[in-house]
Amino acid sequence: MRRYGLSDGQWEWIKDFLPGREGYVGGTATDNRLFIEAVLYRYRAGIPWRDLPVRFGDWKIVHRRLRRWCESGLIERIFRHLAADHDNEYMMIDSTIVRAHQHSAGARKKGAWIRPSSGSVTA
């Protein structure tokens, strides 16, 4: 398994949700696994779309395909399916993923003056 890639077990868990599989009406997508790994690579590495490695194909096509899958609700269905497995390590959220700006935590700016509330008594 490559870094940021899917294990065979993870792939087996989601492959039947994806369009283009064998027996699916329409075209057959032979690169669904490569596409999913490209999306995972992009988000896990924190890179812009333009910096997606060449082995995943043209970044514009990968981005367009992800956008179509998101608009159709497919990505949400996959995540709901993955969330059903409580032991799935991909569903873990920690501080390396969730970032907050310093102001969202209520930090005061230097020299900021806070006006007292109307109910306080000043001498």
C-alpha atoms as a PDB file:
ATOM      1  CA  MET A   1       0.000   0.000   0.000  1.00  0.00           C
ATOM      2  CA  ARG A   2       1.333   3.407  -0.930  1.00  0.00           C
ATOM      3  CA  ARG A   3       1.312   6.263   1.499  1.00  0.00           C
ATOM      4  CA  TYR A   4      -2.160   7.861   1.453  1.00  0.00           C
ATOM      5  CA  GLY A   5      -3.482   4.869  -0.506  1.00  0.00           C
ATOM      6  CA  LEU A   6      -6.289   2.446   0.223  1.00  0.00           C
ATOM      7  CA  SER A   7      -5.685  -1.035   1.549  1.00  0.00           C
ATOM      8  CA  ASP A   8      -7.353  -3.887  -0.332  1.00  0.00           C
ATOM      9  CA  GLY A   9      -9.860  -4.282   2.506  1.00  0.00           C
ATOM     10  CA  GLN A  10     -10.836  -0.618   2.384  1.00  0.00           C
ATOM     11  CA  TRP A  11     -11.238  -0.787  -1.367  1.00  0.00           C
ATOM     12  CA  GLU A  12     -13.478  -3.863  -1.099  1.00  0.00           C
ATOM     13  CA  TRP A  13     -15.608  -1.979   1.441  1.00  0.00           C
ATOM     14  CA  ILE A  14     -16.486   0.895  -0.959  1.00  0.00           C
ATOM     15  CA  LYS A  15     -16.001  -0.342  -4.542  1.00  0.00           C
ATOM     16  CA  ASP A  16     -19.622  -1.447  -5.000  1.00  0.00           C
ATOM     17  CA  PHE A  17     -20.863   2.104  -4.342  1.00  0.00           C
ATOM     18  CA  LEU A  18     -18.939   3.619  -7.239  1.00  0.00           C
ATOM     19  CA  PRO A  19     -20.276   4.206 -10.744  1.00  0.00           C
ATOM     20  CA  GLY A  20     -18.600   2.502 -13.665  1.00  0.00           C
ATOM     21  CA  ARG A  21     -18.246  -0.876 -11.975  1.00  0.00           C
ATOM     22  CA  GLU A  22     -18.790  -4.110 -13.858  1.00  0.00           C
ATOM     23  CA  GLY A  23     -22.472  -4.554 -14.732  1.00  0.00           C
ATOM     24  CA  TYR A  24     -23.211  -0.854 -14.133  1.00  0.00           C
ATOM     25  CA  VAL A  25     -25.329   0.923 -16.748  1.00  0.00           C
ATOM     26  CA  GLY A  26     -23.152   3.357 -18.666  1.00  0.00           C
ATOM     27  CA  GLY A  27     -19.395   3.469 -19.142  1.00  0.00           C
ATOM     28  CA  THR A  28     -16.982   1.323 -17.180  1.00  0.00           C
ATOM     29  CA  ALA A  29     -14.446   3.232 -15.095  1.00  0.00           C
ATOM     30  CA  THR A  30     -11.330   1.130 -14.725  1.00  0.00           C
ATOM     31  CA  ASP A  31      -9.599   3.803 -12.675  1.00  0.00           C
ATOM     32  CA  ASN A  32     -12.025   4.288  -9.759  1.00  0.00           C
ATOM     33  CA  ARG A  33      -9.442   3.164  -7.211  1.00  0.00           C
ATOM     34  CA  LEU A  34      -6.799   5.460  -8.668  1.00  0.00           C
ATOM     35  CA  PHE A  35      -9.297   8.333  -8.577  1.00  0.00           C
ATOM     36  CA  ILE A  36     -10.200   7.709  -4.911  1.00  0.00           C
ATOM     37  CA  GLU A  37      -6.514   7.503  -4.021  1.00  0.00           C
ATOM     38  CA  ALA A  38      -5.874  10.775  -5.880  1.00  0.00           C
ATOM     39  CA  VAL A  39      -8.548  12.542  -3.841  1.00  0.00           C
ATOM     40  CA  LEU A  40      -7.222  11.052  -0.593  1.00  0.00           C
ATOM     41  CA  TYR A  41      -3.668  12.037  -1.532  1.00  0.00           C
ATOM     42  CA  ARG A  42      -4.687  15.608  -2.280  1.00  0.00           C
ATOM     43  CA  TYR A  43      -6.525  16.131   1.002  1.00  0.00           C
ATOM     44  CA  ARG A  44      -4.112  14.247   3.229  1.00  0.00           C
ATOM     45  CA  ALA A  45      -1.036  15.945   1.807  1.00  0.00           C
ATOM     46  CA  GLY A  46      -2.748  19.341   1.944  1.00  0.00           C
ATOM     47  CA  ILE A  47      -1.664  20.293  -1.557  1.00  0.00           C
ATOM     48  CA  PRO A  48      -3.406  22.429  -4.170  1.00  0.00           C
ATOM     49  CA  TRP A  49      -5.092  20.573  -7.026  1.00  0.00           C
ATOM     50  CA  ARG A  50      -2.405  21.735  -9.451  1.00  0.00           C
ATOM     51  CA  ASP A  51       0.268  19.907  -7.411  1.00  0.00           C
ATOM     52  CA  LEU A  52      -1.410  16.498  -7.725  1.00  0.00           C
ATOM     53  CA  PRO A  53       1.273  14.008  -8.908  1.00  0.00           C
ATOM     54  CA  VAL A  54       1.179  13.026 -12.573  1.00  0.00           C
ATOM     55  CA  ARG A  55       0.578   9.348 -11.729  1.00  0.00           C
ATOM     56  CA  PHE A  56      -3.029  10.292 -10.871  1.00  0.00           C
ATOM     57  CA  GLY A  57      -3.675  11.889 -14.252  1.00  0.00           C
ATOM     58  CA  ASP A  58      -4.718  15.419 -15.152  1.00  0.00           C
ATOM     59  CA  TRP A  59      -5.672  17.302 -11.978  1.00  0.00           C
ATOM     60  CA  LYS A  60      -8.512  19.127 -13.782  1.00  0.00           C
ATOM     61  CA  ILE A  61     -10.209  15.842 -14.675  1.00  0.00           C
ATOM     62  CA  VAL A  62      -9.828  14.512 -11.120  1.00  0.00           C
ATOM     63  CA  HIS A  63     -11.275  17.735  -9.702  1.00  0.00           C
ATOM     64  CA  ARG A  64     -14.174  17.773 -12.168  1.00  0.00           C
ATOM     65  CA  ARG A  65     -15.013  14.149 -11.408  1.00  0.00           C
ATOM     66  CA  LEU A  66     -14.953  14.788  -7.646  1.00  0.00           C
ATOM     67  CA  ARG A  67     -17.223  17.802  -8.082  1.00  0.00           C
ATOM     68  CA  ARG A  68     -19.725  15.714 -10.088  1.00  0.00           C
ATOM     69  CA  TRP A  69     -19.699  12.956  -7.474  1.00  0.00           C
ATOM     70  CA  CYS A  70     -20.231  15.517  -4.689  1.00  0.00           C
ATOM     71  CA  GLU A  71     -23.126  17.188  -6.523  1.00  0.00           C
ATOM     72  CA  SER A  72     -24.798  13.825  -7.126  1.00  0.00           C
ATOM     73  CA  GLY A  73     -24.524  12.887  -3.433  1.00  0.00           C
ATOM     74  CA  LEU A  74     -22.270   9.904  -4.103  1.00  0.00           C
ATOM     75  CA  ILE A  75     -19.444  11.095  -1.844  1.00  0.00           C
ATOM     76  CA  GLU A  76     -21.902  11.624   1.019  1.00  0.00           C
ATOM     77  CA  ARG A  77     -23.268   8.076   0.577  1.00  0.00           C
ATOM     78  CA  ILE A  78     -19.725   6.670   0.652  1.00  0.00           C
ATOM     79  CA  PHE A  79     -18.890   8.561   3.850  1.00  0.00           C
ATOM     80  CA  ARG A  80     -22.126   7.421   5.486  1.00  0.00           C
ATOM     81  CA  HIS A  81     -21.225   3.846   4.578  1.00  0.00           C
ATOM     82  CA  LEU A  82     -17.710   4.273   5.978  1.00  0.00           C
ATOM     83  CA  ALA A  83     -19.104   5.872   9.154  1.00  0.00           C
ATOM     84  CA  ALA A  84     -21.093   2.689   9.810  1.00  0.00           C
ATOM     85  CA  ASP A  85     -17.778   0.931  10.501  1.00  0.00           C
ATOM     86  CA  HIS A  86     -16.804   2.343  13.895  1.00  0.00           C
ATOM     87  CA  ASP A  87     -13.285   0.932  13.641  1.00  0.00           C
ATOM     88  CA  ASN A  88     -12.475   2.826  10.451  1.00  0.00           C
ATOM     89  CA  GLU A  89      -9.288   4.820  10.993  1.00  0.00           C
ATOM     90  CA  TYR A  90     -10.243   7.237   8.212  1.00  0.00           C
ATOM     91  CA  MET A  91     -13.056   8.624  10.336  1.00  0.00           C
ATOM     92  CA  MET A  92     -10.784   9.805  13.147  1.00  0.00           C
ATOM     93  CA  ILE A  93     -10.669  13.560  13.566  1.00  0.00           C
ATOM     94  CA  ASP A  94      -7.935  15.209  15.569  1.00  0.00           C
ATOM     95  CA  SER A  95      -6.277  18.585  15.885  1.00  0.00           C
ATOM     96  CA  THR A  96      -4.104  17.994  12.819  1.00  0.00           C
ATOM     97  CA  ILE A  97      -7.258  18.061  10.711  1.00  0.00           C
ATOM     98  CA  VAL A  98      -9.446  20.574  12.527  1.00  0.00           C
ATOM     99  CA  ARG A  99      -7.795  23.957  12.677  1.00  0.00           C
ATOM    100  CA  ALA A 100      -9.233  27.122  14.131  1.00  0.00           C
ATOM    101  CA  HIS A 101      -8.093  30.685  13.678  1.00  0.00           C
ATOM    102  CA  GLN A 102      -6.806  32.317  16.863  1.00  0.00           C
ATOM    103  CA  HIS A 103      -9.752  34.734  16.909  1.00  0.00           C
ATOM    104  CA  SER A 104     -12.262  31.909  16.897  1.00  0.00           C
ATOM    105  CA  ALA A 105     -10.994  30.878  20.330  1.00  0.00           C
ATOM    106  CA  GLY A 106     -11.814  34.278  21.825  1.00  0.00           C
ATOM    107  CA  ALA A 107      -8.261  35.604  21.975  1.00  0.00           C
ATOM    108  CA  ARG A 108      -8.045  39.343  22.512  1.00  0.00           C
ATOM    109  CA  LYS A 109      -6.111  41.529  20.169  1.00  0.00           C
ATOM    110  CA  LYS A 110      -3.248  43.550  21.622  1.00  0.00           C
ATOM    111  CA  GLY A 111      -4.519  46.810  23.053  1.00  0.00           C
ATOM    112  CA  ALA A 112      -8.157  45.879  22.535  1.00  0.00           C
ATOM    113  CA  TRP A 113     -10.540  47.607  24.895  1.00  0.00           C
ATOM    114  CA  ILE A 114     -13.565  45.683  26.102  1.00  0.00           C
ATOM    115  CA  ARG A 115     -16.573  47.824  26.881  1.00  0.00           C
ATOM    116  CA  PRO A 116     -18.203  46.944  30.208  1.00  0.00           C
ATOM    117  CA  SER A 117     -21.700  45.544  30.048  1.00  0.00           C
ATOM    118  CA  SER A 118     -24.587  47.897  30.802  1.00  0.00           C
ATOM    119  CA  GLY A 119     -25.336  46.103  34.076  1.00  0.00           C
ATOM    120  CA  SER A 120     -21.930  46.730  35.688  1.00  0.00           C
ATOM    121  CA  VAL A 121     -21.382  49.539  38.161  1.00  0.00           C
ATOM    122  CA  THR A 122     -18.394  51.833  37.687  1.00  0.00           C
ATOM    123  CA  ALA A 123     -17.110  54.139  40.406  1.00  0.00           C
END
